[in-house]
Amino acid sequence: MEIALKRTYDATPDPKLVVAVGDCGCNGGIFGESYATLGGVGAVIPVDAYIPGCPPTPVDLLNGILTVIDGRRR
């Protein structure tokens, strides 16, 4: 999926907002870094917000996204 993720990221016009959601997206979760994975999404593309949890709560998702958006406005 690394190649597909890079291609999708490159094809997305600016401004981009990348949010790594859940433990697997943030750091690879129970799979971590192994022969089959690179770990979290941040190992492949730049990430604006990490929202941990397995799964994260809806409130955590909203807070994470709104924090990034608010930070970009300043």
N, C-alpha and C. Protein backbone atom coordinates (compact mmCIF):
# COMPACT_ATOMS: atom_id res chain seq x y z
N MET A 1 0.81 -1.20 0.00
CA MET A 1 0.00 0.00 0.00
C MET A 1 0.85 1.26 0.00
N GLU A 2 2.16 1.14 0.26
CA GLU A 2 3.02 2.32 0.30
C GLU A 2 2.97 3.09 -1.01
N ILE A 3 3.09 2.39 -2.12
CA ILE A 3 3.11 3.05 -3.42
C ILE A 3 1.76 3.71 -3.70
N ALA A 4 0.68 3.01 -3.41
CA ALA A 4 -0.66 3.57 -3.64
C ALA A 4 -0.88 4.81 -2.76
N LEU A 5 -0.41 4.77 -1.52
CA LEU A 5 -0.57 5.91 -0.62
C LEU A 5 0.23 7.11 -1.12
N LYS A 6 1.47 6.89 -1.54
CA LYS A 6 2.30 7.98 -2.07
C LYS A 6 1.67 8.59 -3.33
N ARG A 7 1.19 7.75 -4.21
CA ARG A 7 0.57 8.25 -5.45
C ARG A 7 -0.69 9.05 -5.14
N THR A 8 -1.49 8.56 -4.21
CA THR A 8 -2.71 9.28 -3.84
C THR A 8 -2.37 10.61 -3.21
N TYR A 9 -1.39 10.63 -2.32
CA TYR A 9 -0.97 11.88 -1.67
C TYR A 9 -0.47 12.88 -2.72
N ASP A 10 0.37 12.41 -3.63
CA ASP A 10 0.91 13.30 -4.67
C ASP A 10 -0.16 13.81 -5.62
N ALA A 11 -1.20 13.01 -5.85
CA ALA A 11 -2.26 13.40 -6.78
C ALA A 11 -3.29 14.33 -6.14
N THR A 12 -3.29 14.44 -4.82
CA THR A 12 -4.24 15.29 -4.11
C THR A 12 -3.77 16.74 -4.16
N PRO A 13 -4.62 17.66 -4.62
CA PRO A 13 -4.19 19.06 -4.69
C PRO A 13 -4.05 19.69 -3.31
N ASP A 14 -3.21 20.69 -3.23
CA ASP A 14 -3.07 21.46 -1.98
C ASP A 14 -4.27 22.34 -1.79
N PRO A 15 -4.67 22.66 -0.61
CA PRO A 15 -4.10 22.26 0.68
C PRO A 15 -4.55 20.86 1.07
N LYS A 16 -3.64 20.11 1.68
CA LYS A 16 -3.91 18.75 2.11
C LYS A 16 -3.98 18.69 3.62
N LEU A 17 -4.78 17.80 4.12
CA LEU A 17 -4.86 17.54 5.56
C LEU A 17 -4.79 16.03 5.74
N VAL A 18 -3.70 15.56 6.33
CA VAL A 18 -3.51 14.13 6.54
C VAL A 18 -3.69 13.83 8.02
N VAL A 19 -4.59 12.93 8.32
CA VAL A 19 -4.86 12.56 9.70
C VAL A 19 -4.65 11.05 9.84
N ALA A 20 -3.73 10.66 10.72
CA ALA A 20 -3.51 9.25 11.02
C ALA A 20 -4.48 8.88 12.14
N VAL A 21 -5.39 7.97 11.86
CA VAL A 21 -6.45 7.63 12.80
C VAL A 21 -6.25 6.22 13.33
N GLY A 22 -6.33 6.11 14.65
CA GLY A 22 -6.22 4.81 15.30
C GLY A 22 -4.77 4.42 15.53
N ASP A 23 -4.58 3.44 16.38
CA ASP A 23 -3.22 3.00 16.70
C ASP A 23 -2.49 2.46 15.47
N CYS A 24 -3.19 1.76 14.62
CA CYS A 24 -2.54 1.21 13.42
C CYS A 24 -2.07 2.33 12.49
N GLY A 25 -2.86 3.36 12.33
CA GLY A 25 -2.47 4.48 11.48
C GLY A 25 -1.36 5.31 12.09
N CYS A 26 -1.35 5.41 13.40
CA CYS A 26 -0.35 6.24 14.09
C CYS A 26 1.01 5.57 14.18
N ASN A 27 1.04 4.30 14.57
CA ASN A 27 2.33 3.66 14.81
C ASN A 27 2.40 2.20 14.37
N GLY A 28 1.42 1.75 13.64
CA GLY A 28 1.41 0.37 13.19
C GLY A 28 0.62 -0.56 14.10
N GLY A 29 0.22 -0.06 15.27
CA GLY A 29 -0.60 -0.85 16.18
C GLY A 29 0.06 -2.16 16.57
N ILE A 30 -0.72 -3.21 16.62
CA ILE A 30 -0.18 -4.51 17.04
C ILE A 30 0.78 -5.07 15.99
N PHE A 31 0.72 -4.56 14.77
CA PHE A 31 1.60 -5.04 13.71
C PHE A 31 2.96 -4.36 13.76
N GLY A 32 2.99 -3.12 14.29
CA GLY A 32 4.24 -2.38 14.43
C GLY A 32 5.00 -2.31 13.13
N GLU A 33 6.30 -2.34 13.24
CA GLU A 33 7.15 -2.41 12.05
C GLU A 33 7.62 -3.85 11.92
N SER A 34 7.24 -4.47 10.84
CA SER A 34 7.65 -5.84 10.59
C SER A 34 8.05 -5.96 9.12
N TYR A 35 8.34 -7.16 8.70
CA TYR A 35 8.72 -7.36 7.31
C TYR A 35 7.60 -6.96 6.34
N ALA A 36 6.36 -6.95 6.83
CA ALA A 36 5.23 -6.67 5.97
C ALA A 36 4.70 -5.25 6.08
N THR A 37 5.17 -4.48 7.07
CA THR A 37 4.64 -3.13 7.25
C THR A 37 5.77 -2.15 7.53
N LEU A 38 5.49 -0.89 7.32
CA LEU A 38 6.45 0.17 7.61
C LEU A 38 6.14 0.87 8.92
N GLY A 39 5.10 0.45 9.60
CA GLY A 39 4.67 1.12 10.82
C GLY A 39 3.52 2.04 10.51
N GLY A 40 3.54 3.24 11.08
CA GLY A 40 2.46 4.19 10.88
C GLY A 40 2.51 4.90 9.54
N VAL A 41 1.46 5.63 9.25
CA VAL A 41 1.34 6.38 7.99
C VAL A 41 2.46 7.41 7.87
N GLY A 42 2.91 7.96 9.00
CA GLY A 42 3.95 8.97 9.00
C GLY A 42 5.28 8.49 8.44
N ALA A 43 5.46 7.19 8.32
CA ALA A 43 6.67 6.65 7.71
C ALA A 43 6.65 6.78 6.20
N VAL A 44 5.48 7.09 5.64
CA VAL A 44 5.34 7.15 4.18
C VAL A 44 5.05 8.57 3.71
N ILE A 45 4.15 9.28 4.38
CA ILE A 45 3.77 10.64 3.99
C ILE A 45 3.74 11.53 5.23
N PRO A 46 3.83 12.85 5.04
CA PRO A 46 3.74 13.74 6.21
C PRO A 46 2.32 13.75 6.79
N VAL A 47 2.26 13.68 8.11
CA VAL A 47 0.97 13.63 8.81
C VAL A 47 0.78 14.91 9.61
N ASP A 48 -0.42 15.51 9.50
CA ASP A 48 -0.75 16.73 10.23
C ASP A 48 -1.26 16.46 11.63
N ALA A 49 -1.96 15.35 11.81
CA ALA A 49 -2.53 15.04 13.13
C ALA A 49 -2.52 13.53 13.36
N TYR A 50 -2.16 13.16 14.58
CA TYR A 50 -2.22 11.77 15.01
C TYR A 50 -3.32 11.65 16.04
N ILE A 51 -4.26 10.73 15.80
CA ILE A 51 -5.36 10.52 16.73
C ILE A 51 -5.31 9.06 17.16
N PRO A 52 -4.69 8.79 18.32
CA PRO A 52 -4.55 7.40 18.76
C PRO A 52 -5.85 6.84 19.30
N GLY A 53 -5.85 5.55 19.48
CA GLY A 53 -7.01 4.86 20.04
C GLY A 53 -7.31 3.63 19.21
N CYS A 54 -8.01 2.72 19.81
CA CYS A 54 -8.32 1.49 19.09
C CYS A 54 -9.74 1.04 19.42
N PRO A 55 -10.71 1.66 18.79
CA PRO A 55 -10.67 2.83 17.91
C PRO A 55 -10.76 4.13 18.72
N PRO A 56 -10.38 5.25 18.10
CA PRO A 56 -10.55 6.53 18.80
C PRO A 56 -12.04 6.87 18.90
N THR A 57 -12.37 7.62 19.91
CA THR A 57 -13.77 8.02 20.08
C THR A 57 -14.13 9.11 19.07
N PRO A 58 -15.39 9.28 18.76
CA PRO A 58 -15.80 10.36 17.86
C PRO A 58 -15.35 11.73 18.36
N VAL A 59 -15.39 11.93 19.66
CA VAL A 59 -14.95 13.21 20.23
C VAL A 59 -13.46 13.43 19.96
N ASP A 60 -12.66 12.38 20.12
CA ASP A 60 -11.22 12.49 19.84
C ASP A 60 -10.97 12.81 18.36
N LEU A 61 -11.74 12.18 17.48
CA LEU A 61 -11.60 12.47 16.05
C LEU A 61 -11.89 13.94 15.75
N LEU A 62 -13.00 14.42 16.25
CA LEU A 62 -13.37 15.82 16.01
C LEU A 62 -12.35 16.78 16.61
N ASN A 63 -11.90 16.52 17.84
CA ASN A 63 -10.91 17.38 18.47
C ASN A 63 -9.61 17.42 17.68
N GLY A 64 -9.16 16.27 17.22
CA GLY A 64 -7.92 16.22 16.45
C GLY A 64 -8.00 16.98 15.15
N ILE A 65 -9.08 16.78 14.41
CA ILE A 65 -9.25 17.48 13.13
C ILE A 65 -9.42 18.97 13.34
N LEU A 66 -10.24 19.36 14.30
CA LEU A 66 -10.45 20.79 14.57
C LEU A 66 -9.18 21.48 15.06
N THR A 67 -8.36 20.78 15.83
CA THR A 67 -7.10 21.35 16.29
C THR A 67 -6.18 21.67 15.12
N VAL A 68 -6.09 20.76 14.16
CA VAL A 68 -5.25 21.00 12.98
C VAL A 68 -5.80 22.15 12.16
N ILE A 69 -7.11 22.17 11.94
CA ILE A 69 -7.70 23.24 11.14
C ILE A 69 -7.52 24.59 11.83
N ASP A 70 -7.70 24.63 13.14
CA ASP A 70 -7.52 25.88 13.89
C ASP A 70 -6.07 26.34 13.83
N GLY A 71 -5.13 25.41 13.91
CA GLY A 71 -3.71 25.76 13.82
C GLY A 71 -3.32 26.32 12.47
N ARG A 72 -3.99 25.88 11.41
CA ARG A 72 -3.69 26.38 10.07
C ARG A 72 -4.23 27.79 9.84
N ARG A 73 -5.26 28.14 10.56
CA ARG A 73 -5.87 29.48 10.40
C ARG A 73 -4.98 30.57 10.95
N ARG A 74 -4.13 30.22 11.89
CA ARG A 74 -3.30 31.23 12.57
C ARG A 74 -2.06 31.53 11.81
